[in-house]
N, C-alpha and C. Protein backbone atom coordinates (compact mmCIF):
# COMPACT_ATOMS: atom_id res chain seq x y z
N MET A 1 -15.69 -8.38 -1.30
CA MET A 1 -14.70 -7.85 -1.41
C MET A 1 -13.51 -7.79 -2.90
N LYS A 2 -14.18 -8.80 -3.48
CA LYS A 2 -13.29 -9.05 -4.78
C LYS A 2 -13.64 -8.49 -5.54
N SER A 3 -14.42 -7.56 -5.21
CA SER A 3 -14.53 -6.44 -5.54
C SER A 3 -14.17 -5.14 -5.68
N LYS A 4 -13.34 -5.10 -4.50
CA LYS A 4 -12.82 -3.48 -4.03
C LYS A 4 -10.92 -3.46 -4.98
N ILE A 5 -11.09 -4.95 -5.41
CA ILE A 5 -10.18 -5.61 -5.93
C ILE A 5 -9.96 -4.80 -7.72
N ILE A 6 -9.63 -3.89 -8.61
CA ILE A 6 -9.69 -3.53 -9.55
C ILE A 6 -8.15 -3.38 -9.95
N SER A 7 -8.28 -3.71 -11.64
CA SER A 7 -7.25 -3.23 -12.87
C SER A 7 -6.98 -1.91 -12.64
N ARG A 8 -5.71 -2.14 -13.61
CA ARG A 8 -5.11 -0.44 -13.80
C ARG A 8 -6.17 0.34 -15.26
N LEU A 9 -7.06 -1.07 -15.78
CA LEU A 9 -8.13 0.02 -16.91
C LEU A 9 -9.14 0.40 -15.72
N GLN A 10 -9.56 0.37 -15.09
CA GLN A 10 -10.83 0.62 -14.50
C GLN A 10 -10.17 1.51 -13.41
N ILE A 11 -9.00 2.76 -13.29
CA ILE A 11 -9.03 3.52 -12.55
C ILE A 11 -9.87 4.48 -13.04
N ASP A 12 -9.26 5.22 -14.43
CA ASP A 12 -10.15 5.63 -14.86
C ASP A 12 -11.63 6.17 -14.48
N GLY A 13 -12.26 5.39 -14.53
CA GLY A 13 -13.68 5.50 -13.98
C GLY A 13 -13.99 5.57 -13.33
N LEU A 14 -13.23 4.86 -12.43
CA LEU A 14 -13.48 4.78 -10.91
C LEU A 14 -12.97 6.25 -10.32
N ILE A 15 -11.76 6.75 -10.25
CA ILE A 15 -11.35 8.24 -10.22
C ILE A 15 -12.82 9.44 -10.79
N SER A 16 -13.27 9.36 -11.71
CA SER A 16 -14.24 9.94 -12.62
C SER A 16 -14.98 10.21 -11.30
N GLY A 17 -15.46 8.98 -11.32
CA GLY A 17 -16.88 8.69 -10.65
C GLY A 17 -16.89 9.42 -8.78
N LEU A 18 -15.72 9.27 -8.44
CA LEU A 18 -15.48 9.63 -7.35
C LEU A 18 -15.33 11.22 -6.69
N LYS A 19 -14.75 11.93 -8.41
CA LYS A 19 -14.43 13.28 -8.36
C LYS A 19 -15.59 13.65 -8.30
N ASN A 20 -16.24 13.32 -9.54
CA ASN A 20 -17.52 13.72 -9.74
C ASN A 20 -18.96 13.45 -8.33
N LYS A 21 -18.42 12.88 -7.79
CA LYS A 21 -19.50 12.65 -6.54
C LYS A 21 -18.38 13.86 -5.00
N GLY A 22 -17.81 14.09 -5.72
CA GLY A 22 -17.05 15.36 -4.86
C GLY A 22 -16.00 14.48 -3.84
N GLN A 23 -15.61 13.48 -3.81
CA GLN A 23 -15.04 12.49 -2.54
C GLN A 23 -13.55 13.24 -2.85
N LYS A 24 -13.42 12.64 -1.20
CA LYS A 24 -11.46 13.26 -1.71
C LYS A 24 -11.04 11.85 -1.26
N VAL A 25 -9.99 11.50 -2.71
CA VAL A 25 -9.31 10.66 -2.95
C VAL A 25 -7.67 10.55 -2.37
N VAL A 26 -7.49 8.68 -1.60
CA VAL A 26 -6.84 9.54 -0.54
C VAL A 26 -5.65 7.71 -1.30
N PHE A 27 -4.67 8.31 -1.41
CA PHE A 27 -3.69 7.35 -2.37
C PHE A 27 -2.63 6.41 -1.40
N THR A 28 -2.17 5.19 -1.07
CA THR A 28 -0.97 4.74 -0.33
C THR A 28 -0.32 3.44 -1.56
N ASN A 29 0.96 3.08 -0.72
CA ASN A 29 1.09 1.72 -1.39
C ASN A 29 2.05 1.63 -0.46
N GLY A 30 2.10 -0.08 -0.89
CA GLY A 30 3.16 -0.97 -0.12
C GLY A 30 2.50 -2.58 -0.25
N CYS A 31 3.50 -2.89 0.19
CA CYS A 31 4.15 -4.75 -0.22
C CYS A 31 2.48 -5.67 0.51
N PHE A 32 2.49 -5.16 1.84
CA PHE A 32 1.77 -6.01 3.18
C PHE A 32 1.51 -7.41 2.92
N ASP A 33 2.93 -7.73 3.17
CA ASP A 33 3.51 -9.62 2.96
C ASP A 33 2.90 -10.06 4.50
N LEU A 34 2.93 -9.98 5.18
CA LEU A 34 2.29 -10.43 6.26
C LEU A 34 1.80 -9.02 7.05
N LEU A 35 0.19 -8.93 6.95
CA LEU A 35 -0.35 -8.04 7.11
C LEU A 35 -0.20 -8.40 9.08
N HIS A 36 0.15 -7.08 9.33
CA HIS A 36 0.21 -7.23 11.63
C HIS A 36 -0.33 -6.09 10.90
N VAL A 37 -0.76 -5.41 12.85
CA VAL A 37 -1.41 -4.68 13.64
C VAL A 37 -0.25 -2.78 13.01
N GLY A 38 0.71 -3.06 12.56
CA GLY A 38 1.79 -1.75 12.01
C GLY A 38 0.29 -1.41 10.60
N HIS A 39 0.23 -2.24 10.13
CA HIS A 39 -0.89 -1.93 9.04
C HIS A 39 -1.77 -1.82 9.01
N VAL A 40 -2.33 -2.38 9.46
CA VAL A 40 -3.69 -1.68 10.01
C VAL A 40 -3.88 -0.55 11.07
N ARG A 41 -2.93 -0.44 11.52
CA ARG A 41 -3.33 1.07 12.13
C ARG A 41 -3.34 1.92 11.25
N TYR A 42 -1.97 1.55 9.89
CA TYR A 42 -1.63 3.09 9.21
C TYR A 42 -2.63 3.01 8.20
N LEU A 43 -2.75 2.10 7.63
CA LEU A 43 -3.99 1.69 6.77
C LEU A 43 -5.66 2.98 7.36
N GLN A 44 -5.96 2.44 8.55
CA GLN A 44 -6.98 3.36 9.30
C GLN A 44 -6.80 4.82 8.86
N GLU A 45 -5.49 5.16 9.27
CA GLU A 45 -5.12 6.48 9.65
C GLU A 45 -5.04 7.21 8.63
N ALA A 46 -4.85 6.44 7.45
CA ALA A 46 -4.94 6.64 6.10
C ALA A 46 -6.28 7.24 5.32
N ARG A 47 -6.88 6.04 5.98
CA ARG A 47 -8.26 6.21 5.27
C ARG A 47 -9.17 7.15 6.01
N ALA A 48 -8.86 7.59 7.26
CA ALA A 48 -9.06 9.06 8.28
C ALA A 48 -9.45 10.44 7.27
N LEU A 49 -8.43 10.46 6.16
CA LEU A 49 -7.76 11.00 5.39
C LEU A 49 -8.48 11.58 4.13
N GLY A 50 -9.32 11.06 4.17
CA GLY A 50 -10.10 10.92 3.14
C GLY A 50 -12.18 10.76 2.82
N ASP A 51 -12.07 10.29 1.72
CA ASP A 51 -13.52 9.46 1.78
C ASP A 51 -12.92 8.38 0.84
N CYS A 52 -11.83 8.14 0.48
CA CYS A 52 -11.53 6.38 -0.22
C CYS A 52 -10.62 6.30 -0.37
N LEU A 53 -10.43 5.46 0.37
CA LEU A 53 -8.78 5.22 -0.16
C LEU A 53 -8.16 3.54 -0.84
N ILE A 54 -7.56 4.28 -1.77
CA ILE A 54 -7.03 3.35 -2.66
C ILE A 54 -5.23 2.93 -2.60
N VAL A 55 -5.21 1.25 -2.43
CA VAL A 55 -4.02 0.94 -1.82
C VAL A 55 -2.90 0.28 -3.01
N GLY A 56 -2.35 1.09 -3.72
CA GLY A 56 -1.02 0.43 -4.59
C GLY A 56 -0.22 -1.04 -3.72
N LEU A 57 -0.83 -1.83 -4.65
CA LEU A 57 -0.29 -3.06 -3.74
C LEU A 57 0.96 -3.48 -5.10
N ASN A 58 2.16 -3.62 -4.25
CA ASN A 58 2.71 -4.34 -5.00
C ASN A 58 2.97 -5.64 -5.72
N SER A 59 3.07 -5.63 -6.36
CA SER A 59 3.27 -7.28 -7.43
C SER A 59 3.95 -8.52 -6.73
N ASP A 60 4.21 -9.65 -7.23
CA ASP A 60 4.63 -10.63 -6.27
C ASP A 60 6.16 -10.24 -7.38
N GLN A 61 6.56 -9.68 -8.78
CA GLN A 61 7.10 -9.27 -9.54
C GLN A 61 7.60 -8.23 -9.23
N SER A 62 7.14 -7.08 -8.64
CA SER A 62 7.57 -5.82 -8.25
C SER A 62 8.46 -5.72 -6.86
N MET A 63 7.83 -6.80 -5.75
CA MET A 63 8.41 -6.95 -4.75
C MET A 63 9.30 -7.96 -4.63
N ARG A 64 9.68 -8.81 -5.65
CA ARG A 64 11.09 -9.71 -6.09
C ARG A 64 12.05 -7.93 -6.71
N GLN A 65 11.67 -7.40 -7.18
CA GLN A 65 12.81 -6.31 -7.58
C GLN A 65 13.23 -5.57 -6.22
N ILE A 66 12.71 -5.70 -5.51
CA ILE A 66 12.90 -4.25 -4.32
C ILE A 66 12.96 -4.72 -3.32
N LYS A 67 12.55 -6.09 -2.83
CA LYS A 67 13.11 -6.72 -1.35
C LYS A 67 14.22 -7.88 -1.57
N ASP A 68 13.56 -8.77 -2.15
CA ASP A 68 15.13 -10.08 -2.29
C ASP A 68 13.99 -11.08 -2.82
N PRO A 69 14.77 -11.96 -3.90
CA PRO A 69 13.77 -13.75 -4.44
C PRO A 69 13.13 -14.48 -3.67
N ALA A 70 13.57 -14.32 -2.54
CA ALA A 70 12.31 -14.66 -1.52
C ALA A 70 11.59 -14.39 -1.30
N ARG A 71 11.01 -13.15 -1.63
CA ARG A 71 9.78 -12.50 -1.24
C ARG A 71 8.83 -12.60 -2.33
N PRO A 72 7.55 -12.71 -2.30
CA PRO A 72 6.72 -12.28 -1.32
C PRO A 72 7.02 -13.65 -0.40
N LEU A 73 6.37 -13.41 0.54
CA LEU A 73 6.22 -15.02 1.74
C LEU A 73 4.50 -15.09 1.15
N ILE A 74 4.05 -14.32 0.91
CA ILE A 74 2.01 -14.20 0.24
C ILE A 74 2.03 -14.07 -0.61
N ALA A 75 1.23 -14.96 -1.55
CA ALA A 75 0.94 -14.16 -3.12
C ALA A 75 0.03 -12.90 -3.68
N GLU A 76 0.43 -12.00 -4.72
CA GLU A 76 -0.08 -11.00 -4.61
C GLU A 76 -1.85 -10.81 -4.46
N ASP A 77 -2.31 -12.34 -5.06
CA ASP A 77 -3.70 -12.37 -4.35
C ASP A 77 -4.08 -12.63 -3.49
N GLN A 78 -3.49 -13.12 -2.54
CA GLN A 78 -3.55 -13.44 -1.42
C GLN A 78 -3.91 -12.34 -0.08
N ARG A 79 -2.42 -11.79 -0.72
CA ARG A 79 -2.73 -10.77 -0.03
C ARG A 79 -3.46 -9.04 -0.09
N ALA A 80 -3.41 -9.11 -1.99
CA ALA A 80 -5.12 -8.46 -2.38
C ALA A 80 -6.54 -8.29 -1.36
N GLU A 81 -6.59 -9.79 -1.00
CA GLU A 81 -7.64 -10.57 -0.78
C GLU A 81 -7.66 -10.34 0.60
N VAL A 82 -6.80 -10.14 1.54
CA VAL A 82 -6.86 -9.66 2.65
C VAL A 82 -6.74 -8.25 3.29
N LEU A 83 -5.70 -7.66 2.23
CA LEU A 83 -6.30 -6.20 2.43
C LEU A 83 -7.93 -6.10 2.24
N ALA A 84 -8.40 -6.57 1.21
CA ALA A 84 -9.88 -6.23 0.62
C ALA A 84 -10.89 -6.38 2.27
N ALA A 85 -10.48 -7.41 2.67
CA ALA A 85 -10.94 -7.88 3.80
C ALA A 85 -11.36 -6.25 4.62
N LEU A 86 -10.45 -5.38 4.43
CA LEU A 86 -10.64 -4.09 5.84
C LEU A 86 -11.57 -3.28 5.26
N THR A 87 -12.24 -3.22 6.15
CA THR A 87 -13.26 -1.99 5.83
C THR A 87 -12.87 -0.24 5.40
N CYS A 88 -11.07 0.06 6.54
CA CYS A 88 -11.03 0.82 5.56
C CYS A 88 -10.34 1.00 4.51
N VAL A 89 -10.15 -0.22 3.48
CA VAL A 89 -9.62 0.22 2.54
C VAL A 89 -10.89 0.02 1.39
N ASP A 90 -10.78 1.14 0.19
CA ASP A 90 -11.85 0.78 -0.63
C ASP A 90 -11.47 0.46 -2.25
N HIS A 91 -10.44 0.32 -2.12
CA HIS A 91 -9.90 -0.37 -3.28
C HIS A 91 -8.66 -0.89 -3.38
N ILE A 92 -7.97 -1.46 -4.10
CA ILE A 92 -7.16 -2.20 -4.48
C ILE A 92 -6.28 -2.87 -5.81
N VAL A 93 -5.38 -1.73 -5.98
CA VAL A 93 -4.69 -1.94 -7.51
C VAL A 93 -3.38 -2.48 -7.47
N LEU A 94 -2.87 -3.68 -7.96
CA LEU A 94 -1.78 -3.79 -8.10
C LEU A 94 -0.82 -3.31 -8.64
N PHE A 95 0.13 -2.90 -8.79
CA PHE A 95 1.09 -3.01 -9.87
C PHE A 95 2.56 -3.42 -9.86
N ASP A 96 3.08 -3.54 -10.94
CA ASP A 96 4.10 -4.36 -11.42
C ASP A 96 5.96 -3.60 -11.24
N GLU A 97 5.69 -1.96 -11.07
CA GLU A 97 6.84 -1.70 -11.61
C GLU A 97 7.32 -1.15 -9.90
N ALA A 98 8.79 -1.35 -10.18
CA ALA A 98 9.84 -1.14 -8.55
C ALA A 98 9.10 0.25 -7.92
N ASP A 99 8.56 1.51 -8.52
CA ASP A 99 7.93 2.09 -7.68
C ASP A 99 6.67 2.43 -8.11
N PRO A 100 5.54 3.17 -7.17
CA PRO A 100 4.48 3.55 -7.84
C PRO A 100 3.70 4.65 -8.40
N PHE A 101 4.60 5.71 -8.71
CA PHE A 101 5.00 7.25 -9.57
C PHE A 101 3.52 7.01 -11.03
N LYS A 102 3.42 5.91 -11.84
CA LYS A 102 2.65 5.76 -12.34
C LYS A 102 1.48 5.52 -12.28
N LEU A 103 1.13 4.92 -11.15
CA LEU A 103 -0.23 4.69 -10.33
C LEU A 103 -0.56 5.86 -9.95
N ILE A 104 0.42 6.84 -9.48
CA ILE A 104 0.14 8.26 -8.88
C ILE A 104 -0.46 9.10 -9.91
N GLU A 105 0.20 8.66 -10.79
CA GLU A 105 -0.15 9.74 -11.99
C GLU A 105 -1.80 9.31 -12.61
N GLU A 106 -1.80 7.98 -12.85
CA GLU A 106 -2.96 7.87 -12.94
C GLU A 106 -4.10 8.42 -11.89
N ILE A 107 -4.02 8.25 -10.85
CA ILE A 107 -4.92 8.25 -9.74
C ILE A 107 -4.95 9.80 -9.73
N ARG A 108 -3.69 10.05 -9.41
CA ARG A 108 -4.29 11.44 -9.44
C ARG A 108 -4.48 12.14 -7.56
N PRO A 109 -4.22 11.24 -6.30
CA PRO A 109 -4.91 11.78 -5.50
C PRO A 109 -4.48 12.76 -5.29
N ASP A 110 -6.31 13.26 -4.25
CA ASP A 110 -5.58 14.42 -3.64
C ASP A 110 -4.84 14.30 -2.33
N VAL A 111 -4.58 13.01 -1.38
CA VAL A 111 -3.86 13.30 -0.19
C VAL A 111 -3.10 11.79 -0.75
N LEU A 112 -1.15 11.92 -0.60
CA LEU A 112 -0.50 10.65 -0.64
C LEU A 112 -0.52 10.35 0.62
N VAL A 113 0.01 9.13 1.23
CA VAL A 113 -0.04 9.00 1.99
C VAL A 113 1.53 8.01 2.26
N LYS A 114 2.16 8.03 3.30
CA LYS A 114 3.61 7.31 3.42
C LYS A 114 3.74 7.19 4.93
N GLY A 115 3.98 5.90 4.99
CA GLY A 115 4.56 6.46 6.27
C GLY A 115 5.52 7.27 6.94
N ALA A 116 6.18 7.71 8.61
CA ALA A 116 6.78 8.51 8.98
C ALA A 116 8.20 7.99 8.68
N ASP A 117 8.45 6.91 8.39
CA ASP A 117 9.92 6.83 8.26
C ASP A 117 10.53 7.06 6.68
N TRP A 118 9.79 7.65 6.13
CA TRP A 118 10.17 8.27 4.89
C TRP A 118 9.85 9.52 5.29
N SER A 119 11.30 10.32 4.76
CA SER A 119 11.54 11.20 4.11
C SER A 119 10.91 12.26 3.39
N LEU A 120 10.08 13.30 3.80
CA LEU A 120 9.01 13.89 2.66
C LEU A 120 9.97 14.41 0.99
N ASP A 121 11.20 14.02 0.79
CA ASP A 121 11.77 14.45 -0.29
C ASP A 121 12.18 12.92 -1.14
N ASN A 122 11.95 11.53 0.07
CA ASN A 122 12.29 10.41 -0.53
C ASN A 122 10.69 9.92 -1.01
N ILE A 123 9.63 10.59 -1.45
CA ILE A 123 8.30 10.20 -1.10
C ILE A 123 7.95 10.22 -2.49
N ILE A 124 7.84 9.20 -3.48
CA ILE A 124 7.99 8.90 -4.48
C ILE A 124 6.46 9.75 -4.97
N GLY A 125 6.06 10.58 -5.84
CA GLY A 125 4.93 11.21 -6.12
C GLY A 125 4.92 12.60 -5.49
N ALA A 126 5.53 12.41 -4.33
CA ALA A 126 5.01 13.79 -3.88
C ALA A 126 5.15 15.02 -4.62
N ASP A 127 6.20 15.30 -5.24
CA ASP A 127 6.08 16.53 -5.98
C ASP A 127 5.27 16.76 -6.93
N LEU A 128 4.81 15.35 -7.38
CA LEU A 128 3.83 15.30 -8.29
C LEU A 128 2.59 15.98 -7.66
N VAL A 129 2.05 15.34 -6.46
CA VAL A 129 0.42 15.50 -5.52
C VAL A 129 0.68 17.11 -5.49
N SER A 130 1.93 17.54 -5.06
CA SER A 130 2.00 18.45 -4.37
C SER A 130 1.53 20.19 -5.63
N SER A 131 2.25 19.27 -6.75
CA SER A 131 2.35 20.70 -8.10
C SER A 131 0.78 20.40 -8.48
N TYR A 132 -0.28 20.14 -8.15
CA TYR A 132 -1.17 20.25 -8.41
C TYR A 132 -3.12 20.55 -7.42
N GLY A 133 -1.78 20.75 -6.15
CA GLY A 133 -2.20 21.25 -4.88
C GLY A 133 -2.88 20.04 -4.01
N GLY A 134 -2.32 18.85 -4.20
CA GLY A 134 -2.89 17.55 -3.03
C GLY A 134 -2.00 17.52 -2.04
N GLU A 135 -2.21 16.83 -0.99
CA GLU A 135 -1.32 16.85 0.38
C GLU A 135 -1.20 15.59 0.29
N VAL A 136 0.64 15.44 0.99
CA VAL A 136 1.25 14.24 1.03
C VAL A 136 1.34 14.59 2.58
N ARG A 137 0.91 13.37 3.45
CA ARG A 137 1.02 13.22 4.40
C ARG A 137 1.59 12.11 4.95
N ARG A 138 2.47 12.46 6.35
CA ARG A 138 3.66 11.35 6.73
C ARG A 138 2.49 10.58 8.11
N VAL A 139 2.68 9.20 8.32
CA VAL A 139 1.70 8.61 9.16
C VAL A 139 2.62 7.78 10.00
N GLU A 140 2.64 7.89 11.47
CA GLU A 140 3.75 7.55 12.31
C GLU A 140 2.97 5.73 12.40
N LEU A 141 4.38 5.01 12.57
CA LEU A 141 4.16 3.60 12.67
C LEU A 141 4.26 3.15 14.26
N VAL A 142 4.34 2.34 14.21
CA VAL A 142 3.67 0.78 15.38
C VAL A 142 5.57 0.85 15.59
N PRO A 143 5.96 1.20 16.52
CA PRO A 143 7.19 0.72 16.75
C PRO A 143 7.68 -0.85 16.83
N ALA A 144 8.87 -1.16 16.23
CA ALA A 144 9.50 -2.04 16.23
C ALA A 144 8.41 -3.36 15.29
N ILE A 145 7.22 -2.90 14.69
CA ILE A 145 6.62 -3.37 14.30
C ILE A 145 6.70 -3.27 12.83
N SER A 146 7.37 -4.87 11.81
CA SER A 146 7.57 -4.22 10.71
C SER A 146 7.62 -6.14 9.83
N THR A 147 7.66 -6.55 8.56
CA THR A 147 7.61 -7.85 8.15
C THR A 147 8.69 -7.95 8.61
N SER A 148 9.89 -7.35 8.03
CA SER A 148 11.07 -8.30 8.03
C SER A 148 11.20 -8.26 9.50
N GLU A 149 10.48 -7.15 10.65
CA GLU A 149 11.06 -7.86 11.71
C GLU A 149 10.67 -8.82 12.32
N ILE A 150 8.89 -9.43 11.95
CA ILE A 150 8.68 -9.82 12.41
C ILE A 150 9.04 -11.47 11.94
N ILE A 151 9.67 -11.78 10.19
CA ILE A 151 10.40 -12.43 9.97
C ILE A 151 11.95 -12.63 10.66
N ASN A 152 12.53 -11.82 10.63
CA ASN A 152 13.66 -11.59 11.68
C ASN A 152 13.17 -12.87 12.79
N ARG A 153 12.24 -12.36 13.38
CA ARG A 153 12.43 -13.12 15.33
C ARG A 153 11.78 -14.32 14.76
N ILE A 154 11.14 -14.73 13.84
CA ILE A 154 10.87 -15.85 14.01
C ILE A 154 12.33 -17.15 13.88
N ILE A 155 13.10 -16.34 12.37
CA ILE A 155 14.09 -17.06 12.41
C ILE A 155 15.00 -17.34 13.59
N SER A 156 15.30 -16.06 14.57
CA SER A 156 15.91 -16.33 15.80
C SER A 156 15.31 -17.25 16.56
N ARG A 157 13.98 -17.24 16.81
CA ARG A 157 13.74 -18.71 17.55
C ARG A 157 13.55 -19.55 17.52
N TYR A 158 13.31 -19.64 15.88
CA TYR A 158 13.10 -20.92 15.58
C TYR A 158 14.15 -21.90 14.63
N GLY A 159 15.19 -20.99 14.13
CA GLY A 159 15.99 -21.19 12.83
C GLY A 159 15.39 -20.80 12.02
N LYS A 160 16.04 -20.68 10.75
CA LYS A 160 15.85 -20.63 9.19
C LYS A 160 15.24 -21.71 8.61
N ASP A 161 15.67 -23.38 9.11
CA ASP A 161 14.10 -24.24 8.50
C ASP A 161 13.48 -24.60 9.87
N PHE A 162 12.85 -23.83 10.34
CA PHE A 162 12.10 -24.14 11.44
C PHE A 162 10.65 -24.61 10.82
N ALA A 163 10.01 -24.11 9.34
CA ALA A 163 9.22 -24.72 8.50
C ALA A 163 8.85 -26.17 7.97
N LYS A 164 10.69 -26.70 8.05
CA LYS A 164 10.70 -27.71 7.79
C LYS A 164 10.76 -29.36 8.63
N SER A 165 10.40 -28.48 10.18
CA SER A 165 10.27 -29.48 10.94
C SER A 165 8.79 -30.19 11.29
C-alpha cells in the first residue's frame, strides 16, 4: 500500500512509464481529512475515467493555509495511507502549496477531475489541461456529505467538548 505514496521527485519517471504504456492518466486532488462515502464514490468515478488515478493530497501545511488552523484532524501520513488502501487510487502525491497548479503542471494529466461544486472557470489547472488537449471533468457529489458537514453534525450532537468527556 505505501508504495502507492510517491514523492514529487518520482513523478517524471512515473508519468513517462505510464505514457509509454499508452495509459490514460487521471488526476484529482483534495484534503480527504475524514474519508467518507462521498470521497469514495468521487474517487471511484474519477478512476473510471482512465487507466491510472493520481491523487494530489494537501499536506498538513497546505490544509492549514486553505481550511483553518485546527485542521487537519488526521495527519497527512495517515490520510495518505487510508487513500492508498482504496483499490481505485493508484498513486498519492502530497503537496504543500495552497493549490495543486504546480503539481498539475508536473503531471500533465489526460483528465483533470473535480467535484461538481466547482464551476469550470474556478477549477485550478483547467485552462492548462485544456490547452494541451486534456479533458476536464466534474463529478456529482453525494448530497449533504462532506467533512465539514460531519464535523458540524458531531458538534451539534455532542458539543465542542465531546472528546474531553
